[in-house]
PDB file of N, CA and C in Angstrom:
ATOM      1  N   MET A   1     -65.869 -80.783  32.580  1.00  0.00           N
ATOM      2  CA  MET A   1     -64.560 -80.744  33.188  1.00  0.00           C
ATOM      3  C   MET A   1     -63.814 -79.478  32.787  1.00  0.00           C
ATOM      4  N   ARG A   2     -64.038 -79.038  31.582  1.00  0.00           N
ATOM      5  CA  ARG A   2     -63.326 -77.850  31.110  1.00  0.00           C
ATOM      6  C   ARG A   2     -63.670 -76.635  31.950  1.00  0.00           C
ATOM      7  N   GLU A   3     -64.942 -76.512  32.328  1.00  0.00           N
ATOM      8  CA  GLU A   3     -65.368 -75.368  33.132  1.00  0.00           C
ATOM      9  C   GLU A   3     -64.695 -75.386  34.503  1.00  0.00           C
ATOM     10  N   LEU A   4     -64.544 -76.574  35.081  1.00  0.00           N
ATOM     11  CA  LEU A   4     -63.850 -76.683  36.368  1.00  0.00           C
ATOM     12  C   LEU A   4     -62.373 -76.332  36.224  1.00  0.00           C
ATOM     13  N   ALA A   5     -61.747 -76.840  35.182  1.00  0.00           N
ATOM     14  CA  ALA A   5     -60.310 -76.647  34.996  1.00  0.00           C
ATOM     15  C   ALA A   5     -59.937 -75.207  34.671  1.00  0.00           C
ATOM     16  N   LEU A   6     -60.839 -74.474  34.051  1.00  0.00           N
ATOM     17  CA  LEU A   6     -60.529 -73.097  33.675  1.00  0.00           C
ATOM     18  C   LEU A   6     -60.983 -72.079  34.717  1.00  0.00           C
ATOM     19  N   GLY A   7     -61.732 -72.515  35.697  1.00  0.00           N
ATOM     20  CA  GLY A   7     -62.252 -71.590  36.698  1.00  0.00           C
ATOM     21  C   GLY A   7     -61.525 -71.687  38.027  1.00  0.00           C
ATOM     22  N   ARG A   8     -62.151 -71.135  39.046  1.00  0.00           N
ATOM     23  CA  ARG A   8     -61.578 -71.114  40.388  1.00  0.00           C
ATOM     24  C   ARG A   8     -61.361 -72.507  40.981  1.00  0.00           C
ATOM     25  N   PRO A   9     -62.227 -73.491  40.698  1.00  0.00           N
ATOM     26  CA  PRO A   9     -62.008 -74.823  41.269  1.00  0.00           C
ATOM     27  C   PRO A   9     -60.657 -75.445  40.924  1.00  0.00           C
ATOM     28  N   ALA A  10     -60.020 -75.012  39.858  1.00  0.00           N
ATOM     29  CA  ALA A  10     -58.711 -75.568  39.493  1.00  0.00           C
ATOM     30  C   ALA A  10     -57.687 -75.360  40.599  1.00  0.00           C
ATOM     31  N   ALA A  11     -57.852 -74.299  41.369  1.00  0.00           N
ATOM     32  CA  ALA A  11     -56.904 -74.003  42.446  1.00  0.00           C
ATOM     33  C   ALA A  11     -57.437 -74.373  43.824  1.00  0.00           C
ATOM     34  N   THR A  12     -58.721 -74.736  43.920  1.00  0.00           N
ATOM     35  CA  THR A  12     -59.300 -74.978  45.246  1.00  0.00           C
ATOM     36  C   THR A  12     -59.895 -76.367  45.436  1.00  0.00           C
ATOM     37  N   LEU A  13     -60.254 -77.061  44.374  1.00  0.00           N
ATOM     38  CA  LEU A  13     -60.899 -78.369  44.483  1.00  0.00           C
ATOM     39  C   LEU A  13     -59.898 -79.409  44.965  1.00  0.00           C
ATOM     40  N   ARG A  14     -60.206 -80.060  46.088  1.00  0.00           N
ATOM     41  CA  ARG A  14     -59.281 -81.024  46.684  1.00  0.00           C
ATOM     42  C   ARG A  14     -59.686 -82.476  46.444  1.00  0.00           C
ATOM     43  N   ASP A  15     -60.979 -82.753  46.387  1.00  0.00           N
ATOM     44  CA  ASP A  15     -61.482 -84.118  46.200  1.00  0.00           C
ATOM     45  C   ASP A  15     -62.465 -84.146  45.037  1.00  0.00           C
ATOM     46  N   ILE A  16     -62.368 -85.193  44.232  1.00  0.00           N
ATOM     47  CA  ILE A  16     -63.332 -85.368  43.147  1.00  0.00           C
ATOM     48  C   ILE A  16     -63.639 -86.856  43.017  1.00  0.00           C
ATOM     49  N   GLU A  17     -64.900 -87.148  42.776  1.00  0.00           N
ATOM     50  CA  GLU A  17     -65.333 -88.527  42.553  1.00  0.00           C
ATOM     51  C   GLU A  17     -66.283 -88.524  41.362  1.00  0.00           C
ATOM     52  N   ILE A  18     -65.935 -89.279  40.348  1.00  0.00           N
ATOM     53  CA  ILE A  18     -66.743 -89.341  39.134  1.00  0.00           C
ATOM     54  C   ILE A  18     -67.113 -90.801  38.898  1.00  0.00           C
ATOM     55  N   VAL A  19     -68.418 -91.064  38.882  1.00  0.00           N
ATOM     56  CA  VAL A  19     -68.919 -92.425  38.732  1.00  0.00           C
ATOM     57  C   VAL A  19     -69.999 -92.449  37.657  1.00  0.00           C
ATOM     58  N   LEU A  20     -69.907 -93.400  36.748  1.00  0.00           N
ATOM     59  CA  LEU A  20     -70.919 -93.653  35.721  1.00  0.00           C
ATOM     60  C   LEU A  20     -71.292 -92.392  34.951  1.00  0.00           C
ATOM     61  N   ASN A  21     -70.289 -91.738  34.399  1.00  0.00           N
ATOM     62  CA  ASN A  21     -70.514 -90.510  33.653  1.00  0.00           C
ATOM     63  C   ASN A  21     -70.066 -90.725  32.209  1.00  0.00           C
ATOM     64  N   PRO A  22     -71.016 -90.798  31.271  1.00  0.00           N
ATOM     65  CA  PRO A  22     -70.628 -91.034  29.882  1.00  0.00           C
ATOM     66  C   PRO A  22     -69.929 -89.844  29.224  1.00  0.00           C
ATOM     67  N   SER A  23     -69.911 -88.695  29.871  1.00  0.00           N
ATOM     68  CA  SER A  23     -69.231 -87.521  29.312  1.00  0.00           C
ATOM     69  C   SER A  23     -67.720 -87.577  29.512  1.00  0.00           C
ATOM     70  N   ILE A  24     -67.258 -88.447  30.389  1.00  0.00           N
ATOM     71  CA  ILE A  24     -65.827 -88.553  30.674  1.00  0.00           C
ATOM     72  C   ILE A  24     -65.227 -89.624  29.768  1.00  0.00           C
ATOM     73  N   SER A  25     -64.259 -89.211  28.958  1.00  0.00           N
ATOM     74  CA  SER A  25     -63.570 -90.145  28.062  1.00  0.00           C
ATOM     75  C   SER A  25     -62.067 -90.022  28.306  1.00  0.00           C
ATOM     76  N   ASP A  26     -61.286 -90.683  27.480  1.00  0.00           N
ATOM     77  CA  ASP A  26     -59.829 -90.612  27.613  1.00  0.00           C
ATOM     78  C   ASP A  26     -59.312 -89.181  27.482  1.00  0.00           C
ATOM     79  N   GLY A  27     -59.977 -88.372  26.695  1.00  0.00           N
ATOM     80  CA  GLY A  27     -59.552 -86.986  26.499  1.00  0.00           C
ATOM     81  C   GLY A  27     -59.773 -86.097  27.710  1.00  0.00           C
ATOM     82  N   ALA A  28     -60.629 -86.504  28.619  1.00  0.00           N
ATOM     83  CA  ALA A  28     -60.919 -85.695  29.807  1.00  0.00           C
ATOM     84  C   ALA A  28     -59.743 -85.638  30.773  1.00  0.00           C
ATOM     85  N   VAL A  29     -58.793 -86.544  30.620  1.00  0.00           N
ATOM     86  CA  VAL A  29     -57.644 -86.546  31.521  1.00  0.00           C
ATOM     87  C   VAL A  29     -56.861 -85.234  31.403  1.00  0.00           C
ATOM     88  N   TYR A  30     -56.886 -84.621  30.241  1.00  0.00           N
ATOM     89  CA  TYR A  30     -56.206 -83.333  30.059  1.00  0.00           C
ATOM     90  C   TYR A  30     -56.796 -82.277  30.991  1.00  0.00           C
ATOM     91  N   TRP A  31     -58.119 -82.205  31.056  1.00  0.00           N
ATOM     92  CA  TRP A  31     -58.764 -81.188  31.885  1.00  0.00           C
ATOM     93  C   TRP A  31     -58.673 -81.539  33.360  1.00  0.00           C
ATOM     94  N   ILE A  32     -58.778 -82.806  33.691  1.00  0.00           N
ATOM     95  CA  ILE A  32     -58.668 -83.206  35.100  1.00  0.00           C
ATOM     96  C   ILE A  32     -57.260 -82.933  35.611  1.00  0.00           C
ATOM     97  N   SER A  33     -56.260 -83.127  34.772  1.00  0.00           N
ATOM     98  CA  SER A  33     -54.874 -82.901  35.200  1.00  0.00           C
ATOM     99  C   SER A  33     -54.575 -81.428  35.451  1.00  0.00           C
ATOM    100  N   ARG A  34     -55.436 -80.534  35.011  1.00  0.00           N
ATOM    101  CA  ARG A  34     -55.251 -79.102  35.280  1.00  0.00           C
ATOM    102  C   ARG A  34     -55.793 -78.695  36.645  1.00  0.00           C
ATOM    103  N   LEU A  35     -56.433 -79.620  37.347  1.00  0.00           N
ATOM    104  CA  LEU A  35     -56.935 -79.354  38.702  1.00  0.00           C
ATOM    105  C   LEU A  35     -55.786 -79.616  39.676  1.00  0.00           C
ATOM    106  N   LYS A  36     -54.880 -78.681  39.779  1.00  0.00           N
ATOM    107  CA  LYS A  36     -53.619 -78.876  40.502  1.00  0.00           C
ATOM    108  C   LYS A  36     -53.765 -78.988  42.018  1.00  0.00           C
ATOM    109  N   ALA A  37     -54.902 -78.609  42.582  1.00  0.00           N
ATOM    110  CA  ALA A  37     -55.085 -78.685  44.032  1.00  0.00           C
ATOM    111  C   ALA A  37     -55.630 -80.038  44.484  1.00  0.00           C
ATOM    112  N   LEU A  38     -55.873 -80.951  43.550  1.00  0.00           N
ATOM    113  CA  LEU A  38     -56.464 -82.243  43.909  1.00  0.00           C
ATOM    114  C   LEU A  38     -55.558 -83.050  44.827  1.00  0.00           C
ATOM    115  N   HIS A  39     -56.171 -83.619  45.855  1.00  0.00           N
ATOM    116  CA  HIS A  39     -55.464 -84.536  46.745  1.00  0.00           C
ATOM    117  C   HIS A  39     -56.017 -85.947  46.611  1.00  0.00           C
ATOM    118  N   ARG A  40     -57.289 -86.062  46.177  1.00  0.00           N
ATOM    119  CA  ARG A  40     -57.913 -87.375  46.022  1.00  0.00           C
ATOM    120  C   ARG A  40     -58.830 -87.353  44.806  1.00  0.00           C
ATOM    121  N   ALA A  41     -58.670 -88.342  43.944  1.00  0.00           N
ATOM    122  CA  ALA A  41     -59.530 -88.478  42.763  1.00  0.00           C
ATOM    123  C   ALA A  41     -59.957 -89.937  42.660  1.00  0.00           C
ATOM    124  N   HIS A  42     -61.264 -90.160  42.629  1.00  0.00           N
ATOM    125  CA  HIS A  42     -61.790 -91.521  42.523  1.00  0.00           C
ATOM    126  C   HIS A  42     -62.694 -91.601  41.302  1.00  0.00           C
ATOM    127  N   PHE A  43     -62.463 -92.608  40.493  1.00  0.00           N
ATOM    128  CA  PHE A  43     -63.249 -92.822  39.285  1.00  0.00           C
ATOM    129  C   PHE A  43     -63.756 -94.257  39.301  1.00  0.00           C
ATOM    130  N   TYR A  44     -64.979 -94.450  38.801  1.00  0.00           N
ATOM    131  CA  TYR A  44     -65.523 -95.802  38.758  1.00  0.00           C
ATOM    132  C   TYR A  44     -66.514 -95.915  37.612  1.00  0.00           C
ATOM    133  N   PHE A  45     -66.424 -96.983  36.878  1.00  0.00           N
ATOM    134  CA  PHE A  45     -67.304 -97.330  35.770  1.00  0.00           C
ATOM    135  C   PHE A  45     -67.538 -96.155  34.830  1.00  0.00           C
ATOM    136  N   LEU A  46     -66.491 -95.771  34.160  1.00  0.00           N
ATOM    137  CA  LEU A  46     -66.577 -94.744  33.121  1.00  0.00           C
ATOM    138  C   LEU A  46     -66.513 -95.473  31.778  1.00  0.00           C
ATOM    139  N   PRO A  47     -67.663 -95.661  31.127  1.00  0.00           N
ATOM    140  CA  PRO A  47     -67.711 -96.532  29.951  1.00  0.00           C
ATOM    141  C   PRO A  47     -66.897 -96.048  28.750  1.00  0.00           C
ATOM    142  N   TYR A  48     -66.601 -94.760  28.647  1.00  0.00           N
ATOM    143  CA  TYR A  48     -65.867 -94.254  27.486  1.00  0.00           C
ATOM    144  C   TYR A  48     -64.382 -94.036  27.756  1.00  0.00           C
ATOM    145  N   VAL A  49     -63.900 -94.495  28.887  1.00  0.00           N
ATOM    146  CA  VAL A  49     -62.460 -94.513  29.143  1.00  0.00           C
ATOM    147  C   VAL A  49     -61.974 -95.884  28.692  1.00  0.00           C
ATOM    148  N   SER A  50     -61.261 -95.924  27.587  1.00  0.00           N
ATOM    149  CA  SER A  50     -60.863 -97.211  27.010  1.00  0.00           C
ATOM    150  C   SER A  50     -59.569 -97.757  27.611  1.00  0.00           C
ATOM    151  N   ASN A  51     -58.683 -96.882  28.071  1.00  0.00           N
ATOM    152  CA  ASN A  51     -57.413 -97.328  28.632  1.00  0.00           C
ATOM    153  C   ASN A  51     -57.293 -96.804  30.061  1.00  0.00           C
ATOM    154  N   ARG A  52     -57.787 -97.591  30.998  1.00  0.00           N
ATOM    155  CA  ARG A  52     -57.842 -97.194  32.408  1.00  0.00           C
ATOM    156  C   ARG A  52     -56.444 -96.960  32.986  1.00  0.00           C
ATOM    157  N   HIS A  53     -55.494 -97.824  32.664  1.00  0.00           N
ATOM    158  CA  HIS A  53     -54.138 -97.693  33.211  1.00  0.00           C
ATOM    159  C   HIS A  53     -53.447 -96.422  32.716  1.00  0.00           C
ATOM    160  N   SER A  54     -53.624 -96.089  31.467  1.00  0.00           N
ATOM    161  CA  SER A  54     -53.046 -94.865  30.920  1.00  0.00           C
ATOM    162  C   SER A  54     -53.679 -93.634  31.562  1.00  0.00           C
ATOM    163  N   PHE A  55     -54.975 -93.683  31.783  1.00  0.00           N
ATOM    164  CA  PHE A  55     -55.712 -92.598  32.440  1.00  0.00           C
ATOM    165  C   PHE A  55     -55.121 -92.333  33.829  1.00  0.00           C
ATOM    166  N   ILE A  56     -54.921 -93.392  34.594  1.00  0.00           N
ATOM    167  CA  ILE A  56     -54.353 -93.276  35.946  1.00  0.00           C
ATOM    168  C   ILE A  56     -52.926 -92.745  35.882  1.00  0.00           C
ATOM    169  N   ARG A  57     -52.117 -93.305  34.985  1.00  0.00           N
ATOM    170  CA  ARG A  57     -50.705 -92.909  34.880  1.00  0.00           C
ATOM    171  C   ARG A  57     -50.558 -91.437  34.522  1.00  0.00           C
ATOM    172  N   GLN A  58     -51.353 -90.967  33.574  1.00  0.00           N
ATOM    173  CA  GLN A  58     -51.273 -89.565  33.169  1.00  0.00           C
ATOM    174  C   GLN A  58     -51.655 -88.633  34.313  1.00  0.00           C
ATOM    175  N   LEU A  59     -52.666 -89.009  35.082  1.00  0.00           N
ATOM    176  CA  LEU A  59     -53.051 -88.167  36.222  1.00  0.00           C
ATOM    177  C   LEU A  59     -51.973 -88.153  37.296  1.00  0.00           C
ATOM    178  N   LYS A  60     -51.385 -89.313  37.571  1.00  0.00           N
ATOM    179  CA  LYS A  60     -50.340 -89.379  38.599  1.00  0.00           C
ATOM    180  C   LYS A  60     -49.100 -88.587  38.193  1.00  0.00           C
ATOM    181  N   LEU A  61     -48.784 -88.570  36.910  1.00  0.00           N
ATOM    182  CA  LEU A  61     -47.646 -87.778  36.441  1.00  0.00           C
ATOM    183  C   LEU A  61     -47.934 -86.282  36.506  1.00  0.00           C
ATOM    184  N   ALA A  62     -49.160 -85.899  36.185  1.00  0.00           N
ATOM    185  CA  ALA A  62     -49.518 -84.476  36.164  1.00  0.00           C
ATOM    186  C   ALA A  62     -49.726 -83.908  37.563  1.00  0.00           C
ATOM    187  N   ILE A  63     -50.282 -84.729  38.468  1.00  0.00           N
ATOM    188  CA  ILE A  63     -50.565 -84.277  39.841  1.00  0.00           C
ATOM    189  C   ILE A  63     -49.980 -85.316  40.798  1.00  0.00           C
ATOM    190  N   PRO A  64     -48.694 -85.247  41.099  1.00  0.00           N
ATOM    191  CA  PRO A  64     -48.033 -86.296  41.885  1.00  0.00           C
ATOM    192  C   PRO A  64     -48.579 -86.482  43.303  1.00  0.00           C
ATOM    193  N   ARG A  65     -49.061 -85.432  43.927  1.00  0.00           N
ATOM    194  CA  ARG A  65     -49.534 -85.579  45.310  1.00  0.00           C
ATOM    195  C   ARG A  65     -50.980 -86.077  45.395  1.00  0.00           C
ATOM    196  N   CYS A  66     -51.608 -86.284  44.260  1.00  0.00           N
ATOM    197  CA  CYS A  66     -53.005 -86.732  44.220  1.00  0.00           C
ATOM    198  C   CYS A  66     -53.071 -88.260  44.306  1.00  0.00           C
ATOM    199  N   HIS A  67     -53.927 -88.755  45.197  1.00  0.00           N
ATOM    200  CA  HIS A  67     -54.168 -90.195  45.324  1.00  0.00           C
ATOM    201  C   HIS A  67     -55.286 -90.559  44.344  1.00  0.00           C
ATOM    202  N   VAL A  68     -54.947 -91.295  43.301  1.00  0.00           N
ATOM    203  CA  VAL A  68     -55.896 -91.632  42.237  1.00  0.00           C
ATOM    204  C   VAL A  68     -56.324 -93.086  42.380  1.00  0.00           C
ATOM    205  N   THR A  69     -57.636 -93.322  42.419  1.00  0.00           N
ATOM    206  CA  THR A  69     -58.164 -94.681  42.427  1.00  0.00           C
ATOM    207  C   THR A  69     -59.149 -94.829  41.277  1.00  0.00           C
ATOM    208  N   PHE A  70     -59.036 -95.961  40.588  1.00  0.00           N
ATOM    209  CA  PHE A  70     -59.916 -96.254  39.460  1.00  0.00           C
ATOM    210  C   PHE A  70     -60.029 -97.776  39.376  1.00  0.00           C
ATOM    211  N   PRO A  71     -60.837 -98.378  40.272  1.00  0.00           N
ATOM    212  CA  PRO A  71     -60.934 -99.843  40.276  1.00  0.00           C
ATOM    213  C   PRO A  71     -61.603-100.369  39.013  1.00  0.00           C
ATOM    214  N   GLU A  72     -61.262-101.578  38.676  1.00  0.00           N
ATOM    215  CA  GLU A  72     -61.842-102.206  37.494  1.00  0.00           C
ATOM    216  C   GLU A  72     -63.269-102.632  37.797  1.00  0.00           C
ATOM    217  N   ALA A  73     -64.179-102.305  36.913  1.00  0.00           N
ATOM    218  CA  ALA A  73     -65.591-102.676  37.081  1.00  0.00           C
ATOM    219  C   ALA A  73     -65.791-104.063  36.488  1.00  0.00           C
ATOM    220  N   VAL A  74     -65.974-105.044  37.346  1.00  0.00           N
ATOM    221  CA  VAL A  74     -66.106-106.419  36.887  1.00  0.00           C
ATOM    222  C   VAL A  74     -67.565-106.781  36.662  1.00  0.00           C
ATOM    223  N   GLN A  75     -68.389-106.532  37.658  1.00  0.00           N
ATOM    224  CA  GLN A  75     -69.798-106.894  37.566  1.00  0.00           C
ATOM    225  C   GLN A  75     -70.644-105.657  37.821  1.00  0.00           C
ATOM    226  N   ILE A  76     -71.371-105.233  36.806  1.00  0.00           N
ATOM    227  CA  ILE A  76     -72.226-104.060  36.908  1.00  0.00           C
ATOM    228  C   ILE A  76     -73.657-104.491  36.629  1.00  0.00           C
ATOM    229  N   GLY A  77     -74.568-104.094  37.479  1.00  0.00           N
ATOM    230  CA  GLY A  77     -75.983-104.379  37.247  1.00  0.00           C
ATOM    231  C   GLY A  77     -76.555-105.350  38.252  1.00  0.00           C
ATOM    232  N   TYR A  78     -77.785-105.713  38.026  1.00  0.00           N
ATOM    233  CA  TYR A  78     -78.494-106.627  38.915  1.00  0.00           C
ATOM    234  C   TYR A  78     -78.328-108.065  38.448  1.00  0.00           C
ATOM    235  N   GLY A  79     -78.559-108.999  39.361  1.00  0.00           N
ATOM    236  CA  GLY A  79     -78.552-110.407  39.002  1.00  0.00           C
ATOM    237  C   GLY A  79     -77.320-111.164  39.430  1.00  0.00           C
ATOM    238  N   TYR A  80     -76.270-110.491  39.827  1.00  0.00           N
ATOM    239  CA  TYR A  80     -75.054-111.187  40.227  1.00  0.00           C
ATOM    240  C   TYR A  80     -75.192-111.831  41.598  1.00  0.00           C
ATOM    241  N   GLU A  81     -76.091-111.310  42.427  1.00  0.00           N
ATOM    242  CA  GLU A  81     -76.320-111.903  43.737  1.00  0.00           C
ATOM    243  C   GLU A  81     -76.915-113.297  43.580  1.00  0.00           C
ATOM    244  N   ASP A  82     -77.771-113.488  42.574  1.00  0.00           N
ATOM    245  CA  ASP A  82     -78.385-114.793  42.325  1.00  0.00           C
ATOM    246  C   ASP A  82     -77.338-115.825  41.933  1.00  0.00           C
ATOM    247  N   GLU A  83     -76.339-115.426  41.156  1.00  0.00           N
ATOM    248  CA  GLU A  83     -75.270-116.340  40.765  1.00  0.00           C
ATOM    249  C   GLU A  83     -74.480-116.805  41.976  1.00  0.00           C
ATOM    250  N   LYS A  84     -74.234-115.922  42.919  1.00  0.00           N
ATOM    251  CA  LYS A  84     -73.489-116.280  44.124  1.00  0.00           C
ATOM    252  C   LYS A  84     -74.276-117.272  44.964  1.00  0.00           C
ATOM    253  N   LYS A  85     -75.592-117.088  45.041  1.00  0.00           N
ATOM    254  CA  LYS A  85     -76.436-118.002  45.815  1.00  0.00           C
ATOM    255  C   LYS A  85     -76.452-119.389  45.184  1.00  0.00           C
ATOM    256  N   GLU A  86     -76.499-119.453  43.858  1.00  0.00           N
ATOM    257  CA  GLU A  86     -76.522-120.734  43.159  1.00  0.00           C
ATOM    258  C   GLU A  86     -75.211-121.490  43.339  1.00  0.00           C
ATOM    259  N   LYS A  87     -74.100-120.788  43.399  1.00  0.00           N
ATOM    260  CA  LYS A  87     -72.799-121.438  43.586  1.00  0.00           C
ATOM    261  C   LYS A  87     -72.678-122.050  44.971  1.00  0.00           C
ATOM    262  N   LYS A  88     -73.337-121.459  45.966  1.00  0.00           N
ATOM    263  CA  LYS A  88     -73.277-121.970  47.333  1.00  0.00           C
ATOM    264  C   LYS A  88     -74.033-123.283  47.477  1.00  0.00           C
ATOM    265  N   LYS A  89     -75.039-123.517  46.618  1.00  0.00           N
ATOM    266  CA  LYS A  89     -75.871-124.729  46.732  1.00  0.00           C
ATOM    267  C   LYS A  89     -75.139-125.965  46.334  1.00  0.00           C
TER     268      LYS A  89
END
């Protein structure tokens, strides 16, 4: 993220989507917030982000025109389809 924030993408990157990346933690919000041209940011299942609401709030304050989505990951992995089938029986 630091390389993006310090380079040309900081002024030109409009959309970013980060999913299942263990390199992104709570501290990465500092570098993401320096991407001032962002209009859309989507994050999903980032295991090292401990405070999802704070992460979203900090980004929205730093980049007000950016639409930030970070849904809560409830069920990750295989096997949940079997549970749904068993409940129907």
